[in-house]
């Protein structure tokens, strides 16, 4: 066998072996890192202050709050000592 072909096949097998070892090690580290992490049980958008314009089963458009209302709410929270959950 030609030495160049043998050297190429050795390098190719080492690269494939390194890829398999690296992938399995990465999978193991990732699964250990995510131990205890769970998917939320509720939809994260269900408690937002933005409401649907057309009610339940609407067309999916959201009613946006005006900037003046937001600034007024922020100023009142700052002046009152501000709790984030004043609703």
N, C-alpha and C. Protein backbone atom coordinates (compact mmCIF):
# COMPACT_ATOMS: atom_id res chain seq x y z
N UNK A 1 0.86 -1.18 0.00
CA UNK A 1 0.00 0.00 0.00
C UNK A 1 0.90 1.23 0.00
N UNK A 2 0.44 2.23 -0.68
CA UNK A 2 1.16 3.50 -0.76
C UNK A 2 1.17 4.15 0.62
N UNK A 3 2.35 4.63 1.10
CA UNK A 3 2.41 5.24 2.43
C UNK A 3 1.50 6.48 2.58
N UNK A 4 1.31 7.21 1.50
CA UNK A 4 0.44 8.40 1.57
C UNK A 4 -1.01 8.00 1.81
N UNK A 5 -1.45 6.92 1.18
CA UNK A 5 -2.82 6.44 1.36
C UNK A 5 -3.00 5.91 2.78
N UNK A 6 -2.02 5.19 3.28
CA UNK A 6 -2.09 4.65 4.63
C UNK A 6 -2.14 5.78 5.65
N UNK A 7 -1.29 6.78 5.47
CA UNK A 7 -1.27 7.93 6.38
C UNK A 7 -2.61 8.67 6.34
N UNK A 8 -3.19 8.83 5.17
CA UNK A 8 -4.48 9.50 5.02
C UNK A 8 -5.58 8.72 5.73
N UNK A 9 -5.58 7.39 5.59
CA UNK A 9 -6.60 6.58 6.24
C UNK A 9 -6.44 6.60 7.76
N UNK A 10 -5.20 6.62 8.24
CA UNK A 10 -4.97 6.71 9.69
C UNK A 10 -5.49 8.05 10.22
N UNK A 11 -5.18 9.13 9.53
CA UNK A 11 -5.67 10.45 9.96
C UNK A 11 -7.19 10.53 9.91
N UNK A 12 -7.76 9.94 8.87
CA UNK A 12 -9.21 9.96 8.75
C UNK A 12 -9.87 9.18 9.89
N UNK A 13 -9.32 8.02 10.22
CA UNK A 13 -9.89 7.24 11.32
C UNK A 13 -9.71 7.94 12.65
N UNK A 14 -8.57 8.62 12.85
CA UNK A 14 -8.37 9.38 14.09
C UNK A 14 -9.35 10.56 14.19
N UNK A 15 -9.61 11.22 13.07
CA UNK A 15 -10.57 12.33 13.08
C UNK A 15 -11.98 11.84 13.38
N UNK A 16 -12.36 10.72 12.81
CA UNK A 16 -13.70 10.18 13.08
C UNK A 16 -13.81 9.76 14.54
N UNK A 17 -12.77 9.09 15.04
CA UNK A 17 -12.77 8.67 16.44
C UNK A 17 -12.82 9.86 17.38
N UNK A 18 -12.05 10.90 17.08
CA UNK A 18 -12.08 12.11 17.91
C UNK A 18 -13.44 12.78 17.88
N UNK A 19 -14.10 12.77 16.73
CA UNK A 19 -15.43 13.35 16.63
C UNK A 19 -16.45 12.59 17.46
N UNK A 20 -16.36 11.27 17.45
CA UNK A 20 -17.29 10.45 18.23
C UNK A 20 -17.06 10.67 19.72
N UNK A 21 -15.79 10.69 20.14
CA UNK A 21 -15.48 10.92 21.56
C UNK A 21 -15.94 12.31 21.99
N UNK A 22 -15.68 13.31 21.16
CA UNK A 22 -16.07 14.67 21.48
C UNK A 22 -17.59 14.81 21.57
N UNK A 23 -18.31 14.19 20.65
CA UNK A 23 -19.77 14.27 20.66
C UNK A 23 -20.35 13.60 21.89
N UNK A 24 -19.83 12.42 22.24
CA UNK A 24 -20.37 11.72 23.41
C UNK A 24 -20.05 12.47 24.70
N UNK A 25 -18.86 13.04 24.77
CA UNK A 25 -18.48 13.81 25.97
C UNK A 25 -19.34 15.07 26.08
N UNK A 26 -19.57 15.77 24.97
CA UNK A 26 -20.42 16.95 24.97
C UNK A 26 -21.85 16.64 25.35
N UNK A 27 -22.36 15.51 24.86
CA UNK A 27 -23.72 15.11 25.22
C UNK A 27 -23.81 14.83 26.72
N UNK A 28 -22.81 14.15 27.26
CA UNK A 28 -22.81 13.84 28.69
C UNK A 28 -22.74 15.10 29.53
N UNK A 29 -21.85 16.03 29.16
CA UNK A 29 -21.74 17.28 29.91
C UNK A 29 -23.03 18.10 29.81
N UNK A 30 -23.63 18.14 28.64
CA UNK A 30 -24.88 18.89 28.47
C UNK A 30 -26.02 18.31 29.26
N UNK A 31 -26.12 16.99 29.28
CA UNK A 31 -27.22 16.38 30.04
C UNK A 31 -27.01 16.57 31.54
N UNK A 32 -25.77 16.56 32.00
CA UNK A 32 -25.50 16.83 33.42
C UNK A 32 -25.80 18.28 33.76
N UNK A 33 -25.49 19.20 32.84
CA UNK A 33 -25.73 20.62 33.10
C UNK A 33 -27.22 20.92 33.16
N UNK A 34 -28.03 20.18 32.43
CA UNK A 34 -29.47 20.44 32.39
C UNK A 34 -30.25 19.61 33.39
N UNK A 35 -29.58 18.90 34.27
CA UNK A 35 -30.27 18.12 35.28
C UNK A 35 -31.03 19.07 36.21
N UNK A 36 -32.29 18.83 36.38
CA UNK A 36 -33.12 19.67 37.24
C UNK A 36 -33.82 20.79 36.51
N UNK A 37 -33.48 21.05 35.26
CA UNK A 37 -34.14 22.10 34.49
C UNK A 37 -35.40 21.51 33.88
N UNK A 38 -36.52 22.18 34.09
CA UNK A 38 -37.80 21.67 33.61
C UNK A 38 -38.48 22.72 32.74
N UNK A 39 -39.37 22.25 31.89
CA UNK A 39 -40.15 23.14 31.05
C UNK A 39 -41.23 23.80 31.90
N UNK A 40 -41.51 25.08 31.68
CA UNK A 40 -42.56 25.74 32.45
C UNK A 40 -43.91 25.05 32.24
N UNK A 41 -44.69 24.99 33.30
CA UNK A 41 -45.98 24.33 33.22
C UNK A 41 -47.06 25.22 32.64
N UNK A 42 -46.82 26.52 32.61
CA UNK A 42 -47.80 27.45 32.04
C UNK A 42 -47.16 28.21 30.91
N UNK A 43 -47.98 28.84 30.11
CA UNK A 43 -47.47 29.65 29.02
C UNK A 43 -46.89 30.94 29.58
N UNK A 44 -45.68 31.33 29.19
CA UNK A 44 -45.07 32.52 29.76
C UNK A 44 -45.77 33.81 29.37
N UNK A 45 -46.58 33.80 28.33
CA UNK A 45 -47.26 35.02 27.90
C UNK A 45 -48.65 35.17 28.50
N UNK A 46 -49.07 34.24 29.35
CA UNK A 46 -50.44 34.29 29.85
C UNK A 46 -50.65 35.41 30.87
N UNK A 47 -49.59 35.91 31.53
CA UNK A 47 -49.77 36.92 32.55
C UNK A 47 -49.30 38.30 32.15
N UNK A 48 -49.18 38.58 30.87
CA UNK A 48 -48.70 39.88 30.43
C UNK A 48 -49.82 40.90 30.45
N UNK A 49 -49.47 42.18 30.62
CA UNK A 49 -50.51 43.21 30.65
C UNK A 49 -51.11 43.52 29.29
N UNK A 50 -50.53 43.01 28.21
CA UNK A 50 -51.07 43.26 26.88
C UNK A 50 -52.26 42.34 26.69
N UNK A 51 -53.41 42.92 26.34
CA UNK A 51 -54.62 42.12 26.19
C UNK A 51 -55.00 41.99 24.73
N UNK A 52 -55.78 40.99 24.44
CA UNK A 52 -56.27 40.79 23.08
C UNK A 52 -57.42 41.76 22.82
N UNK A 53 -57.44 42.36 21.64
CA UNK A 53 -58.48 43.32 21.33
C UNK A 53 -59.83 42.65 21.10
N UNK A 54 -59.82 41.49 20.47
CA UNK A 54 -61.09 40.89 20.09
C UNK A 54 -61.53 39.80 21.05
N UNK A 55 -60.93 39.72 22.23
CA UNK A 55 -61.36 38.75 23.22
C UNK A 55 -60.82 37.36 22.94
N UNK A 56 -61.45 36.36 23.52
CA UNK A 56 -60.99 34.99 23.37
C UNK A 56 -61.19 34.52 21.94
N UNK A 57 -60.18 33.83 21.43
CA UNK A 57 -60.26 33.31 20.07
C UNK A 57 -60.20 34.39 19.01
N UNK A 58 -59.52 35.48 19.32
CA UNK A 58 -59.45 36.59 18.39
C UNK A 58 -58.49 36.34 17.26
N UNK A 59 -58.19 37.42 16.56
CA UNK A 59 -57.32 37.31 15.39
C UNK A 59 -55.84 37.34 15.74
N UNK A 60 -55.49 37.43 17.02
CA UNK A 60 -54.10 37.36 17.43
C UNK A 60 -53.39 38.69 17.51
N UNK A 61 -54.07 39.79 17.27
CA UNK A 61 -53.42 41.09 17.38
C UNK A 61 -53.45 41.53 18.84
N UNK A 62 -52.41 42.23 19.24
CA UNK A 62 -52.31 42.68 20.62
C UNK A 62 -52.57 44.17 20.71
N UNK A 63 -53.17 44.59 21.81
CA UNK A 63 -53.38 46.01 22.07
C UNK A 63 -52.16 46.53 22.81
N UNK A 64 -51.45 47.49 22.24
CA UNK A 64 -50.24 48.01 22.84
C UNK A 64 -50.57 49.15 23.80
N UNK A 65 -49.81 49.24 24.87
CA UNK A 65 -50.00 50.32 25.83
C UNK A 65 -49.33 51.58 25.30
N UNK A 66 -49.89 52.72 25.64
CA UNK A 66 -49.30 53.97 25.16
C UNK A 66 -48.08 54.32 26.01
N UNK A 67 -47.16 55.04 25.41
CA UNK A 67 -45.94 55.42 26.10
C UNK A 67 -46.24 56.33 27.29
N UNK A 68 -47.21 57.21 27.14
CA UNK A 68 -47.56 58.12 28.23
C UNK A 68 -48.07 57.36 29.45
N UNK A 69 -48.89 56.31 29.22
CA UNK A 69 -49.38 55.50 30.33
C UNK A 69 -48.25 54.77 31.04
N UNK A 70 -47.31 54.26 30.26
CA UNK A 70 -46.18 53.54 30.84
C UNK A 70 -45.33 54.48 31.68
N UNK A 71 -45.02 55.65 31.15
CA UNK A 71 -44.19 56.62 31.88
C UNK A 71 -44.89 57.09 33.15
N UNK A 72 -46.20 57.30 33.08
CA UNK A 72 -46.95 57.71 34.26
C UNK A 72 -46.91 56.63 35.33
N UNK A 73 -47.04 55.37 34.94
CA UNK A 73 -46.98 54.26 35.89
C UNK A 73 -45.60 54.15 36.53
N UNK A 74 -44.55 54.32 35.72
CA UNK A 74 -43.18 54.24 36.25
C UNK A 74 -42.93 55.37 37.25
N UNK A 75 -43.34 56.58 36.90
CA UNK A 75 -43.14 57.72 37.80
C UNK A 75 -43.90 57.53 39.11
N UNK A 76 -45.12 57.00 39.04
CA UNK A 76 -45.88 56.80 40.27
C UNK A 76 -45.25 55.71 41.14
N UNK A 77 -44.69 54.69 40.51
CA UNK A 77 -44.01 53.64 41.29
C UNK A 77 -42.72 54.15 41.92
N UNK A 78 -42.01 55.00 41.22
CA UNK A 78 -40.77 55.56 41.76
C UNK A 78 -41.10 56.46 42.95
N UNK A 79 -42.12 57.31 42.81
CA UNK A 79 -42.46 58.23 43.89
C UNK A 79 -43.02 57.52 45.12
N UNK A 80 -43.70 56.38 44.91
CA UNK A 80 -44.31 55.70 46.04
C UNK A 80 -43.37 54.68 46.70
N UNK A 81 -42.15 54.61 46.26
CA UNK A 81 -41.22 53.66 46.84
C UNK A 81 -41.20 52.35 46.07
N UNK A 82 -42.08 52.21 45.17
CA UNK A 82 -42.14 51.23 44.12
C UNK A 82 -42.10 49.76 44.44
N UNK A 83 -43.20 49.11 44.40
CA UNK A 83 -43.19 47.66 44.38
C UNK A 83 -43.56 47.23 42.96
N UNK A 84 -42.84 46.24 42.45
CA UNK A 84 -43.04 45.82 41.06
C UNK A 84 -44.37 45.10 40.88
N UNK A 85 -44.93 44.56 41.95
CA UNK A 85 -46.18 43.80 41.82
C UNK A 85 -47.32 44.57 42.47
N UNK A 86 -47.62 45.74 41.97
CA UNK A 86 -48.68 46.55 42.55
C UNK A 86 -50.05 46.20 42.01
N UNK A 87 -50.15 45.23 41.11
CA UNK A 87 -51.45 44.86 40.51
C UNK A 87 -52.27 44.07 41.46
